């Protein structure tokens, strides 16, 4: 049997239902507000964290800045009282100390090292003072000048890790341990190379077609010498009716890349000069190129007792160089080698 529902009771019931519904909606609204606030705070923290990191997601250190190497003007480096600098003379050629052309591979290595150098970790608190003192006293002091501005830093080999360096941006900064991802060794080794090791060691860079003449003269055996000249669109060995064209082309191709072993300077040059005083050049090699800057004449001496290298003098500038006999003997052939058998 159902009890009758009065109009007052009905109104009370509807009121309670409406009140419960409002309270429920209010609770949902509060939860949404809280979730929204958490979302905003989370996003802010993520943004702040991202702003405090570089593009690779790594921390940004106040005392370290990457170097843009696209507009390098000059890079100087001082170590153990000696200072040198490298600078571009043209878009493709760099010189060291405004004297000698620099090897392209070393310039490329330097640019990669400067541009990709990264901080591996800060120096530990207990080592910080000692490392900083060593950097300022024993490190290589590097100045980098670009069109946008100048920067400097000190680097020193990390004896605990040969693929990283200690780094200091200025005398007041904190030291770090830096490295170049993907490369072995460290920048300290590069900037401590002697000036002669930076030099371009190219002796001949002539390609067939650009060569005009190659002449080899043997002082002790003139009949073995030969003279190759360009005639129209081909080459011929003078005074040889028929030369082997394959051998001739193979020989001329050797001059595309001939390097010196080293340039002799200072005490090493003085000692070799003294030993060569009693000798006369054994071989004269003359290479004439359409590009006159690639033409050279060298005088080659007989091997000195107890040495594995050949010594030669570049006639155009008087420089004394050493040559690797294993590669150079391919050039010092005799005339009859070209004969068509």
C-alpha atoms as a PDB file:
ATOM      1  CA  UNK A   1       0.000   0.000   0.000  1.00  0.00           C
ATOM      2  CA  UNK A   2       1.561   3.307  -1.090  1.00  0.00           C
ATOM      3  CA  UNK A   3       1.535   6.265   1.252  1.00  0.00           C
ATOM      4  CA  UNK A   4       0.107   9.462  -0.152  1.00  0.00           C
ATOM      5  CA  UNK A   5       2.621  12.171  -0.977  1.00  0.00           C
ATOM      6  CA  UNK A   6       1.673  15.646   0.117  1.00  0.00           C
ATOM      7  CA  UNK A   7       2.557  18.720  -1.927  1.00  0.00           C
ATOM      8  CA  UNK A   8       4.901  19.989   0.848  1.00  0.00           C
ATOM      9  CA  UNK A   9       6.820  16.757   0.974  1.00  0.00           C
ATOM     10  CA  UNK A  10       7.122  16.808  -2.787  1.00  0.00           C
ATOM     11  CA  UNK A  11       8.566  20.326  -2.734  1.00  0.00           C
ATOM     12  CA  UNK A  12      11.101  19.316  -0.060  1.00  0.00           C
ATOM     13  CA  UNK A  13      12.193  16.331  -2.108  1.00  0.00           C
ATOM     14  CA  UNK A  14      12.711  18.422  -5.233  1.00  0.00           C
ATOM     15  CA  UNK A  15      14.658  20.979  -3.186  1.00  0.00           C
ATOM     16  CA  UNK A  16      17.043  18.320  -1.828  1.00  0.00           C
ATOM     17  CA  UNK A  17      17.556  16.871  -5.302  1.00  0.00           C
ATOM     18  CA  UNK A  18      18.365  20.298  -6.742  1.00  0.00           C
ATOM     19  CA  UNK A  19      20.714  21.088  -3.820  1.00  0.00           C
ATOM     20  CA  UNK A  20      22.575  17.777  -4.240  1.00  0.00           C
ATOM     21  CA  UNK A  21      22.869  18.404  -7.974  1.00  0.00           C
ATOM     22  CA  UNK A  22      24.323  21.904  -7.398  1.00  0.00           C
ATOM     23  CA  UNK A  23      26.814  20.541  -4.854  1.00  0.00           C
ATOM     24  CA  UNK A  24      27.820  17.789  -7.304  1.00  0.00           C
ATOM     25  CA  UNK A  25      28.322  20.335 -10.121  1.00  0.00           C
ATOM     26  CA  UNK A  26      30.303  22.567  -7.781  1.00  0.00           C
ATOM     27  CA  UNK A  27      32.565  19.627  -6.860  1.00  0.00           C
ATOM     28  CA  UNK A  28      33.137  18.773 -10.512  1.00  0.00           C
ATOM     29  CA  UNK A  29      33.929  22.431 -11.282  1.00  0.00           C
ATOM     30  CA  UNK A  30      36.463  22.575  -8.445  1.00  0.00           C
ATOM     31  CA  UNK A  31      38.162  19.387  -9.663  1.00  0.00           C
ATOM     32  CA  UNK A  32      38.361  20.785 -13.192  1.00  0.00           C
ATOM     33  CA  UNK A  33      39.908  23.985 -11.862  1.00  0.00           C
ATOM     34  CA  UNK A  34      42.475  22.016  -9.862  1.00  0.00           C
ATOM     35  CA  UNK A  35      43.342  19.817 -12.854  1.00  0.00           C
ATOM     36  CA  UNK A  36      43.640  22.899 -15.053  1.00  0.00           C
ATOM     37  CA  UNK A  37      45.948  24.548 -12.515  1.00  0.00           C
ATOM     38  CA  UNK A  38      48.115  21.410 -12.324  1.00  0.00           C
ATOM     39  CA  UNK A  39      48.306  21.314 -16.128  1.00  0.00           C
ATOM     40  CA  UNK A  40      49.381  24.960 -16.316  1.00  0.00           C
ATOM     41  CA  UNK A  41      52.010  24.497 -13.602  1.00  0.00           C
ATOM     42  CA  UNK A  42      53.341  21.336 -15.269  1.00  0.00           C
ATOM     43  CA  UNK A  43      53.577  23.129 -18.604  1.00  0.00           C
ATOM     44  CA  UNK A  44      55.352  26.068 -16.995  1.00  0.00           C
ATOM     45  CA  UNK A  45      57.896  23.800 -15.317  1.00  0.00           C
ATOM     46  CA  UNK A  46      58.493  21.989 -18.613  1.00  0.00           C
ATOM     47  CA  UNK A  47      58.913  25.294 -20.444  1.00  0.00           C
ATOM     48  CA  UNK A  48      61.286  26.643 -17.789  1.00  0.00           C
ATOM     49  CA  UNK A  49      63.321  23.438 -17.945  1.00  0.00           C
ATOM     50  CA  UNK A  50      63.460  23.616 -21.733  1.00  0.00           C
ATOM     51  CA  UNK A  51      64.531  27.257 -21.666  1.00  0.00           C
ATOM     52  CA  UNK A  52      67.351  26.288 -19.334  1.00  0.00           C
ATOM     53  CA  UNK A  53      68.613  23.716 -21.830  1.00  0.00           C
ATOM     54  CA  UNK A  54      70.058  23.916 -25.293  1.00  0.00           C
ATOM     55  CA  UNK A  55      68.512  22.468 -28.427  1.00  0.00           C
ATOM     56  CA  UNK A  56      69.940  19.017 -27.615  1.00  0.00           C
ATOM     57  CA  UNK A  57      68.217  18.988 -24.222  1.00  0.00           C
ATOM     58  CA  UNK A  58      71.489  19.462 -22.342  1.00  0.00           C
ATOM     59  CA  UNK A  59      72.084  21.998 -19.557  1.00  0.00           C
ATOM     60  CA  UNK A  60      73.340  25.423 -20.567  1.00  0.00           C
ATOM     61  CA  UNK A  61      76.334  26.586 -18.562  1.00  0.00           C
ATOM     62  CA  UNK A  62      76.828  30.281 -17.970  1.00  0.00           C
ATOM     63  CA  UNK A  63      80.586  30.210 -18.608  1.00  0.00           C
ATOM     64  CA  UNK A  64      80.451  28.237 -21.859  1.00  0.00           C
ATOM     65  CA  UNK A  65      79.356  29.352 -25.315  1.00  0.00           C
ATOM     66  CA  UNK A  66      79.511  27.470 -28.605  1.00  0.00           C
ATOM     67  CA  UNK A  67      81.655  29.114 -31.311  1.00  0.00           C
ATOM     68  CA  UNK A  68      80.207  29.837 -34.733  1.00  0.00           C
ATOM     69  CA  UNK A  69      82.988  28.949 -37.179  1.00  0.00           C
ATOM     70  CA  UNK A  70      81.240  30.092 -40.353  1.00  0.00           C
ATOM     71  CA  UNK A  71      82.845  33.540 -40.247  1.00  0.00           C
ATOM     72  CA  UNK A  72      86.229  32.967 -38.623  1.00  0.00           C
ATOM     73  CA  UNK A  73      88.669  35.850 -39.071  1.00  0.00           C
ATOM     74  CA  UNK A  74      91.606  34.677 -36.980  1.00  0.00           C
ATOM     75  CA  UNK A  75      92.460  32.016 -34.395  1.00  0.00           C
ATOM     76  CA  UNK A  76      95.538  32.563 -32.233  1.00  0.00           C
ATOM     77  CA  UNK A  77      96.919  30.201 -29.608  1.00  0.00           C
ATOM     78  CA  UNK A  78      99.666  30.573 -27.020  1.00  0.00           C
ATOM     79  CA  UNK A  79     101.397  27.717 -25.202  1.00  0.00           C
ATOM     80  CA  UNK A  80     104.676  27.478 -23.309  1.00  0.00           C
ATOM     81  CA  UNK A  81     105.697  30.978 -24.332  1.00  0.00           C
ATOM     82  CA  UNK A  82     105.108  30.401 -28.052  1.00  0.00           C
ATOM     83  CA  UNK A  83     102.287  32.103 -29.921  1.00  0.00           C
ATOM     84  CA  UNK A  84     100.972  31.356 -33.409  1.00  0.00           C
ATOM     85  CA  UNK A  85      97.884  32.285 -35.366  1.00  0.00           C
ATOM     86  CA  UNK A  86      96.013  31.014 -38.391  1.00  0.00           C
ATOM     87  CA  UNK A  87      93.862  33.143 -40.662  1.00  0.00           C
ATOM     88  CA  UNK A  88      92.175  32.730 -44.054  1.00  0.00           C
ATOM     89  CA  UNK A  89      93.934  34.359 -46.980  1.00  0.00           C
ATOM     90  CA  UNK A  90      91.274  33.310 -49.499  1.00  0.00           C
ATOM     91  CA  UNK A  91      88.023  31.387 -49.245  1.00  0.00           C
ATOM     92  CA  UNK A  92      89.951  28.106 -49.496  1.00  0.00           C
ATOM     93  CA  UNK A  93      93.452  28.861 -48.223  1.00  0.00           C
ATOM     94  CA  UNK A  94      94.578  29.507 -44.651  1.00  0.00           C
ATOM     95  CA  UNK A  95      98.037  30.608 -43.563  1.00  0.00           C
ATOM     96  CA  UNK A  96      99.873  30.244 -40.276  1.00  0.00           C
ATOM     97  CA  UNK A  97     101.700  33.327 -38.986  1.00  0.00           C
ATOM     98  CA  UNK A  98     101.091  34.901 -42.438  1.00  0.00           C
ATOM     99  CA  UNK A  99     103.989  32.793 -43.771  1.00  0.00           C
ATOM    100  CA  UNK A 100     102.946  29.309 -44.801  1.00  0.00           C
ATOM    101  CA  UNK A 101      99.836  27.752 -46.265  1.00  0.00           C
ATOM    102  CA  UNK A 102      98.035  25.494 -43.806  1.00  0.00           C
ATOM    103  CA  UNK A 103      96.794  21.957 -44.417  1.00  0.00           C
ATOM    104  CA  UNK A 104      93.077  21.876 -45.199  1.00  0.00           C
ATOM    105  CA  UNK A 105      92.497  18.815 -43.008  1.00  0.00           C
ATOM    106  CA  UNK A 106      93.834  20.600 -39.920  1.00  0.00           C
ATOM    107  CA  UNK A 107      91.654  23.655 -40.543  1.00  0.00           C
ATOM    108  CA  UNK A 108      88.618  21.383 -40.965  1.00  0.00           C
ATOM    109  CA  UNK A 109      89.489  19.577 -37.723  1.00  0.00           C
ATOM    110  CA  UNK A 110      89.898  22.890 -35.871  1.00  0.00           C
ATOM    111  CA  UNK A 111      86.532  24.173 -37.097  1.00  0.00           C
ATOM    112  CA  UNK A 112      84.738  20.996 -36.078  1.00  0.00           C
ATOM    113  CA  UNK A 113      86.406  21.049 -32.665  1.00  0.00           C
ATOM    114  CA  UNK A 114      85.476  24.667 -31.964  1.00  0.00           C
ATOM    115  CA  UNK A 115      81.905  24.335 -33.239  1.00  0.00           C
ATOM    116  CA  UNK A 116      81.004  20.964 -31.700  1.00  0.00           C
ATOM    117  CA  UNK A 117      82.862  21.223 -28.397  1.00  0.00           C
ATOM    118  CA  UNK A 118      80.496  20.375 -25.525  1.00  0.00           C
ATOM    119  CA  UNK A 119      80.673  20.282 -21.747  1.00  0.00           C
ATOM    120  CA  UNK A 120      80.872  16.769 -20.431  1.00  0.00           C
ATOM    121  CA  UNK A 121      80.648  17.754 -16.785  1.00  0.00           C
ATOM    122  CA  UNK A 122      81.756  20.450 -14.357  1.00  0.00           C
ATOM    123  CA  UNK A 123      85.021  19.878 -12.510  1.00  0.00           C
ATOM    124  CA  UNK A 124      84.430  18.416  -9.051  1.00  0.00           C
ATOM    125  CA  UNK A 125      84.459  20.792  -6.092  1.00  0.00           C
ATOM    126  CA  UNK A 126      87.594  19.283  -4.580  1.00  0.00           C
ATOM    127  CA  UNK A 127      89.530  19.573  -7.881  1.00  0.00           C
ATOM    128  CA  UNK A 128      88.177  22.916  -9.067  1.00  0.00           C
ATOM    129  CA  UNK A 129      90.854  25.187  -7.588  1.00  0.00           C
ATOM    130  CA  UNK A 130      93.781  22.993  -8.671  1.00  0.00           C
ATOM    131  CA  UNK A 131      92.441  22.515 -12.216  1.00  0.00           C
ATOM    132  CA  UNK A 132      91.829  26.237 -12.628  1.00  0.00           C
ATOM    133  CA  UNK A 133      95.383  27.067 -11.546  1.00  0.00           C
ATOM    134  CA  UNK A 134      96.805  24.498 -13.976  1.00  0.00           C
ATOM    135  CA  UNK A 135      94.688  25.837 -16.829  1.00  0.00           C
ATOM    136  CA  UNK A 136      95.927  29.383 -16.332  1.00  0.00           C
ATOM    137  CA  UNK A 137      99.539  28.278 -15.875  1.00  0.00           C
ATOM    138  CA  UNK A 138      99.962  25.320 -18.263  1.00  0.00           C
ATOM    139  CA  UNK A 139      96.954  25.449 -20.587  1.00  0.00           C
ATOM    140  CA  UNK A 140      96.764  26.669 -24.180  1.00  0.00           C
ATOM    141  CA  UNK A 141      95.288  30.166 -24.337  1.00  0.00           C
ATOM    142  CA  UNK A 142      93.093  30.421 -27.438  1.00  0.00           C
ATOM    143  CA  UNK A 143      91.649  33.620 -28.933  1.00  0.00           C
ATOM    144  CA  UNK A 144      88.944  33.273 -31.584  1.00  0.00           C
ATOM    145  CA  UNK A 145      88.050  36.273 -33.706  1.00  0.00           C
ATOM    146  CA  UNK A 146      84.912  36.193 -35.864  1.00  0.00           C
ATOM    147  CA  UNK A 147      83.003  38.844 -37.762  1.00  0.00           C
ATOM    148  CA  UNK A 148      80.440  38.807 -34.946  1.00  0.00           C
ATOM    149  CA  UNK A 149      82.941  39.307 -32.106  1.00  0.00           C
ATOM    150  CA  UNK A 150      85.804  37.800 -30.123  1.00  0.00           C
ATOM    151  CA  UNK A 151      86.054  35.040 -27.539  1.00  0.00           C
ATOM    152  CA  UNK A 152      88.812  33.333 -25.602  1.00  0.00           C
ATOM    153  CA  UNK A 153      89.357  30.228 -23.508  1.00  0.00           C
ATOM    154  CA  UNK A 154      92.033  27.998 -22.000  1.00  0.00           C
ATOM    155  CA  UNK A 155      92.243  24.237 -22.621  1.00  0.00           C
ATOM    156  CA  UNK A 156      94.420  21.576 -21.042  1.00  0.00           C
ATOM    157  CA  UNK A 157      94.524  17.805 -21.589  1.00  0.00           C
ATOM    158  CA  UNK A 158      92.581  15.823 -19.030  1.00  0.00           C
ATOM    159  CA  UNK A 159      95.055  13.155 -17.906  1.00  0.00           C
ATOM    160  CA  UNK A 160      92.179  11.021 -16.636  1.00  0.00           C
ATOM    161  CA  UNK A 161      90.490  10.949 -20.047  1.00  0.00           C
ATOM    162  CA  UNK A 162      92.557  11.474 -23.207  1.00  0.00           C
ATOM    163  CA  UNK A 163      89.433  12.263 -25.220  1.00  0.00           C
ATOM    164  CA  UNK A 164      88.496  15.304 -23.172  1.00  0.00           C
ATOM    165  CA  UNK A 165      90.031  18.581 -22.009  1.00  0.00           C
ATOM    166  CA  UNK A 166      89.794  20.905 -19.070  1.00  0.00           C
ATOM    167  CA  UNK A 167      88.233  24.198 -20.160  1.00  0.00           C
ATOM    168  CA  UNK A 168      88.130  27.715 -18.734  1.00  0.00           C
ATOM    169  CA  UNK A 169      86.413  30.636 -20.466  1.00  0.00           C
ATOM    170  CA  UNK A 170      88.045  33.386 -18.374  1.00  0.00           C
ATOM    171  CA  UNK A 171      90.085  33.871 -15.244  1.00  0.00           C
ATOM    172  CA  UNK A 172      86.975  34.404 -13.102  1.00  0.00           C
ATOM    173  CA  UNK A 173      84.919  31.517 -14.514  1.00  0.00           C
ATOM    174  CA  UNK A 174      84.435  27.959 -13.313  1.00  0.00           C
ATOM    175  CA  UNK A 175      86.405  25.173 -15.060  1.00  0.00           C
ATOM    176  CA  UNK A 176      84.673  22.385 -16.964  1.00  0.00           C
ATOM    177  CA  UNK A 177      85.542  19.147 -18.706  1.00  0.00           C
ATOM    178  CA  UNK A 178      84.782  19.401 -22.440  1.00  0.00           C
ATOM    179  CA  UNK A 179      84.906  16.978 -25.349  1.00  0.00           C
ATOM    180  CA  UNK A 180      84.057  16.795 -29.054  1.00  0.00           C
ATOM    181  CA  UNK A 181      81.448  14.071 -29.705  1.00  0.00           C
ATOM    182  CA  UNK A 182      82.610  11.463 -32.181  1.00  0.00           C
ATOM    183  CA  UNK A 183      86.294  12.456 -32.099  1.00  0.00           C
ATOM    184  CA  UNK A 184      89.298  11.010 -30.314  1.00  0.00           C
ATOM    185  CA  UNK A 185      91.944  13.215 -28.738  1.00  0.00           C
ATOM    186  CA  UNK A 186      91.446  16.760 -27.518  1.00  0.00           C
ATOM    187  CA  UNK A 187      91.853  20.341 -28.708  1.00  0.00           C
ATOM    188  CA  UNK A 188      94.960  20.832 -26.587  1.00  0.00           C
ATOM    189  CA  UNK A 189      96.893  18.430 -28.818  1.00  0.00           C
ATOM    190  CA  UNK A 190      95.808  20.338 -31.921  1.00  0.00           C
ATOM    191  CA  UNK A 191      96.821  23.759 -30.648  1.00  0.00           C
ATOM    192  CA  UNK A 192     100.162  22.462 -29.374  1.00  0.00           C
ATOM    193  CA  UNK A 193     101.258  21.231 -32.789  1.00  0.00           C
ATOM    194  CA  UNK A 194     104.456  22.947 -33.992  1.00  0.00           C
ATOM    195  CA  UNK A 195     103.866  25.526 -36.719  1.00  0.00           C
ATOM    196  CA  UNK A 196     105.521  23.253 -39.295  1.00  0.00           C
ATOM    197  CA  UNK A 197     102.975  20.506 -38.617  1.00  0.00           C
ATOM    198  CA  UNK A 198     100.195  22.908 -39.602  1.00  0.00           C
ATOM    199  CA  UNK A 199     101.830  23.564 -42.962  1.00  0.00           C
ATOM    200  CA  UNK A 200     100.431  22.294 -46.219  1.00  0.00           C
ATOM    201  CA  UNK A 201     102.862  19.565 -47.303  1.00  0.00           C
ATOM    202  CA  UNK A 202     101.799  19.543 -50.935  1.00  0.00           C
ATOM    203  CA  UNK A 203     104.790  19.522 -53.275  1.00  0.00           C
ATOM    204  CA  UNK A 204     103.055  18.780 -56.578  1.00  0.00           C
ATOM    205  CA  UNK A 205      99.330  19.085 -57.349  1.00  0.00           C
ATOM    206  CA  UNK A 206      99.266  18.823 -61.148  1.00  0.00           C
ATOM    207  CA  UNK A 207      96.815  16.759 -63.159  1.00  0.00           C
ATOM    208  CA  UNK A 208      97.368  15.342 -66.649  1.00  0.00           C
ATOM    209  CA  UNK A 209      96.104  17.962 -69.049  1.00  0.00           C
ATOM    210  CA  UNK A 210      97.426  20.782 -66.891  1.00  0.00           C
ATOM    211  CA  UNK A 211     101.017  19.588 -67.056  1.00  0.00           C
ATOM    212  CA  UNK A 212     103.177  21.180 -69.737  1.00  0.00           C
ATOM    213  CA  UNK A 213     106.491  19.450 -69.039  1.00  0.00           C
ATOM    214  CA  UNK A 214     108.182  17.036 -66.665  1.00  0.00           C
ATOM    215  CA  UNK A 215     111.947  16.822 -66.882  1.00  0.00           C
ATOM    216  CA  UNK A 216     114.192  14.515 -64.849  1.00  0.00           C
ATOM    217  CA  UNK A 217     117.992  14.816 -64.995  1.00  0.00           C
ATOM    218  CA  UNK A 218     120.401  12.401 -63.296  1.00  0.00           C
ATOM    219  CA  UNK A 219     123.776  14.039 -62.626  1.00  0.00           C
ATOM    220  CA  UNK A 220     125.708  10.742 -62.541  1.00  0.00           C
ATOM    221  CA  UNK A 221     123.869   9.176 -65.517  1.00  0.00           C
ATOM    222  CA  UNK A 222     122.591  11.759 -68.043  1.00  0.00           C
ATOM    223  CA  UNK A 223     121.441   9.077 -70.513  1.00  0.00           C
ATOM    224  CA  UNK A 224     118.813   7.876 -68.024  1.00  0.00           C
ATOM    225  CA  UNK A 225     117.161  11.274 -67.792  1.00  0.00           C
ATOM    226  CA  UNK A 226     114.062  12.163 -69.804  1.00  0.00           C
ATOM    227  CA  UNK A 227     111.906  15.060 -70.846  1.00  0.00           C
ATOM    228  CA  UNK A 228     108.121  14.678 -71.232  1.00  0.00           C
ATOM    229  CA  UNK A 229     106.357  17.476 -73.078  1.00  0.00           C
ATOM    230  CA  UNK A 230     102.785  18.233 -73.978  1.00  0.00           C
ATOM    231  CA  UNK A 231     102.273  18.184 -77.737  1.00  0.00           C
ATOM    232  CA  UNK A 232      98.820  19.284 -78.866  1.00  0.00           C
ATOM    233  CA  UNK A 233      96.423  17.139 -76.810  1.00  0.00           C
ATOM    234  CA  UNK A 234      98.852  14.383 -75.879  1.00  0.00           C
ATOM    235  CA  UNK A 235     102.320  13.875 -74.384  1.00  0.00           C
ATOM    236  CA  UNK A 236     105.534  12.458 -75.730  1.00  0.00           C
ATOM    237  CA  UNK A 237     108.944  11.540 -74.378  1.00  0.00           C
ATOM    238  CA  UNK A 238     111.479  13.635 -76.245  1.00  0.00           C
ATOM    239  CA  UNK A 239     113.894  11.554 -78.374  1.00  0.00           C
ATOM    240  CA  UNK A 240     111.852   8.396 -77.926  1.00  0.00           C
ATOM    241  CA  UNK A 241     110.144   7.293 -81.166  1.00  0.00           C
ATOM    242  CA  UNK A 242     107.481   5.251 -79.467  1.00  0.00           C
ATOM    243  CA  UNK A 243     106.599   5.403 -75.795  1.00  0.00           C
ATOM    244  CA  UNK A 244     104.112   3.203 -73.941  1.00  0.00           C
ATOM    245  CA  UNK A 245     101.063   5.490 -73.637  1.00  0.00           C
ATOM    246  CA  UNK A 246      99.693   3.621 -70.614  1.00  0.00           C
ATOM    247  CA  UNK A 247     102.963   3.992 -68.709  1.00  0.00           C
ATOM    248  CA  UNK A 248     103.182   7.615 -69.735  1.00  0.00           C
ATOM    249  CA  UNK A 249      99.696   8.437 -68.431  1.00  0.00           C
ATOM    250  CA  UNK A 250     100.305   6.420 -65.245  1.00  0.00           C
ATOM    251  CA  UNK A 251     103.508   8.327 -64.594  1.00  0.00           C
ATOM    252  CA  UNK A 252     101.991  11.777 -65.149  1.00  0.00           C
ATOM    253  CA  UNK A 253      99.079  10.874 -62.856  1.00  0.00           C
ATOM    254  CA  UNK A 254     101.534  10.533 -59.971  1.00  0.00           C
ATOM    255  CA  UNK A 255     101.908  14.313 -59.860  1.00  0.00           C
ATOM    256  CA  UNK A 256      98.307  14.820 -58.795  1.00  0.00           C
ATOM    257  CA  UNK A 257      99.335  14.329 -55.167  1.00  0.00           C
ATOM    258  CA  UNK A 258     102.980  14.423 -54.113  1.00  0.00           C
ATOM    259  CA  UNK A 259     103.820  15.580 -50.596  1.00  0.00           C
ATOM    260  CA  UNK A 260     107.005  16.352 -48.743  1.00  0.00           C
ATOM    261  CA  UNK A 261     107.608  14.279 -45.640  1.00  0.00           C
ATOM    262  CA  UNK A 262     108.554  17.374 -43.674  1.00  0.00           C
ATOM    263  CA  UNK A 263     109.989  20.870 -43.869  1.00  0.00           C
ATOM    264  CA  UNK A 264     113.342  21.132 -42.129  1.00  0.00           C
ATOM    265  CA  UNK A 265     113.809  24.104 -39.818  1.00  0.00           C
ATOM    266  CA  UNK A 266     116.060  25.320 -37.027  1.00  0.00           C
ATOM    267  CA  UNK A 267     118.572  22.803 -35.661  1.00  0.00           C
ATOM    268  CA  UNK A 268     117.367  19.951 -37.852  1.00  0.00           C
ATOM    269  CA  UNK A 269     117.872  22.056 -40.960  1.00  0.00           C
ATOM    270  CA  UNK A 270     121.324  23.191 -39.791  1.00  0.00           C
ATOM    271  CA  UNK A 271     122.517  19.629 -39.169  1.00  0.00           C
ATOM    272  CA  UNK A 272     121.292  18.345 -42.569  1.00  0.00           C
ATOM    273  CA  UNK A 273     122.720  21.388 -44.359  1.00  0.00           C
ATOM    274  CA  UNK A 274     126.097  20.619 -42.799  1.00  0.00           C
ATOM    275  CA  UNK A 275     125.988  16.997 -44.000  1.00  0.00           C
ATOM    276  CA  UNK A 276     124.975  18.047 -47.527  1.00  0.00           C
ATOM    277  CA  UNK A 277     127.856  20.505 -47.922  1.00  0.00           C
ATOM    278  CA  UNK A 278     130.074  17.801 -49.339  1.00  0.00           C
ATOM    279  CA  UNK A 279     127.423  16.635 -51.832  1.00  0.00           C
ATOM    280  CA  UNK A 280     126.021  17.872 -55.083  1.00  0.00           C
ATOM    281  CA  UNK A 281     122.411  17.204 -56.077  1.00  0.00           C
ATOM    282  CA  UNK A 282     121.973  13.827 -57.770  1.00  0.00           C
ATOM    283  CA  UNK A 283     118.588  14.481 -59.398  1.00  0.00           C
ATOM    284  CA  UNK A 284     116.961  17.588 -60.846  1.00  0.00           C
ATOM    285  CA  UNK A 285     113.186  17.348 -61.192  1.00  0.00           C
ATOM    286  CA  UNK A 286     111.367  20.127 -63.025  1.00  0.00           C
ATOM    287  CA  UNK A 287     107.573  20.239 -63.271  1.00  0.00           C
ATOM    288  CA  UNK A 288     105.941  22.920 -65.413  1.00  0.00           C
ATOM    289  CA  UNK A 289     102.207  23.457 -65.006  1.00  0.00           C
ATOM    290  CA  UNK A 290      99.803  25.739 -66.855  1.00  0.00           C
ATOM    291  CA  UNK A 291      99.138  27.232 -63.447  1.00  0.00           C
ATOM    292  CA  UNK A 292     102.513  28.752 -62.668  1.00  0.00           C
ATOM    293  CA  UNK A 293     101.891  28.556 -58.902  1.00  0.00           C
ATOM    294  CA  UNK A 294     102.055  24.761 -59.225  1.00  0.00           C
ATOM    295  CA  UNK A 295     105.319  24.695 -61.177  1.00  0.00           C
ATOM    296  CA  UNK A 296     108.343  23.582 -59.176  1.00  0.00           C
ATOM    297  CA  UNK A 297     111.947  22.517 -59.548  1.00  0.00           C
ATOM    298  CA  UNK A 298     113.604  20.442 -56.846  1.00  0.00           C
ATOM    299  CA  UNK A 299     117.160  19.204 -56.338  1.00  0.00           C
ATOM    300  CA  UNK A 300     117.354  15.766 -54.743  1.00  0.00           C
ATOM    301  CA  UNK A 301     120.427  14.512 -52.902  1.00  0.00           C
ATOM    302  CA  UNK A 302     121.665  10.977 -52.414  1.00  0.00           C
ATOM    303  CA  UNK A 303     120.483   9.329 -49.211  1.00  0.00           C
ATOM    304  CA  UNK A 304     122.679  10.179 -46.259  1.00  0.00           C
ATOM    305  CA  UNK A 305     124.310   7.279 -44.369  1.00  0.00           C
ATOM    306  CA  UNK A 306     122.101   5.948 -41.586  1.00  0.00           C
ATOM    307  CA  UNK A 307     118.963   7.732 -42.782  1.00  0.00           C
ATOM    308  CA  UNK A 308     115.810   6.366 -44.412  1.00  0.00           C
ATOM    309  CA  UNK A 309     114.717   9.657 -45.947  1.00  0.00           C
ATOM    310  CA  UNK A 310     115.755  11.576 -49.021  1.00  0.00           C
ATOM    311  CA  UNK A 311     116.564  15.265 -48.751  1.00  0.00           C
ATOM    312  CA  UNK A 312     115.749  17.851 -51.389  1.00  0.00           C
ATOM    313  CA  UNK A 313     115.802  21.581 -51.916  1.00  0.00           C
ATOM    314  CA  UNK A 314     112.949  23.514 -53.506  1.00  0.00           C
ATOM    315  CA  UNK A 315     114.696  25.838 -55.960  1.00  0.00           C
ATOM    316  CA  UNK A 316     111.987  28.528 -55.981  1.00  0.00           C
ATOM    317  CA  UNK A 317     112.240  29.305 -52.258  1.00  0.00           C
ATOM    318  CA  UNK A 318     115.398  27.505 -51.119  1.00  0.00           C
ATOM    319  CA  UNK A 319     113.567  25.422 -48.508  1.00  0.00           C
ATOM    320  CA  UNK A 320     115.059  22.120 -47.444  1.00  0.00           C
ATOM    321  CA  UNK A 321     112.617  19.208 -47.213  1.00  0.00           C
ATOM    322  CA  UNK A 322     112.649  15.496 -46.526  1.00  0.00           C
ATOM    323  CA  UNK A 323     110.988  13.021 -48.907  1.00  0.00           C
ATOM    324  CA  UNK A 324     109.600   9.547 -48.361  1.00  0.00           C
ATOM    325  CA  UNK A 325     111.672   7.303 -50.690  1.00  0.00           C
ATOM    326  CA  UNK A 326     108.998   4.566 -50.885  1.00  0.00           C
ATOM    327  CA  UNK A 327     106.570   6.896 -52.627  1.00  0.00           C
ATOM    328  CA  UNK A 328     109.101   9.112 -54.399  1.00  0.00           C
ATOM    329  CA  UNK A 329     111.057   6.384 -56.142  1.00  0.00           C
ATOM    330  CA  UNK A 330     108.034   5.810 -58.396  1.00  0.00           C
ATOM    331  CA  UNK A 331     108.788   9.241 -59.842  1.00  0.00           C
ATOM    332  CA  UNK A 332     112.528   8.659 -60.192  1.00  0.00           C
ATOM    333  CA  UNK A 333     112.332   6.121 -63.000  1.00  0.00           C
ATOM    334  CA  UNK A 334     114.762   5.795 -65.919  1.00  0.00           C
ATOM    335  CA  UNK A 335     114.038   6.801 -69.491  1.00  0.00           C
ATOM    336  CA  UNK A 336     113.846   3.286 -70.854  1.00  0.00           C
ATOM    337  CA  UNK A 337     110.956   2.523 -68.471  1.00  0.00           C
ATOM    338  CA  UNK A 338     108.669   4.376 -70.927  1.00  0.00           C
ATOM    339  CA  UNK A 339     109.705   2.330 -73.951  1.00  0.00           C
ATOM    340  CA  UNK A 340     106.926   0.479 -75.770  1.00  0.00           C
ATOM    341  CA  UNK A 341     107.995  -3.150 -75.742  1.00  0.00           C
END
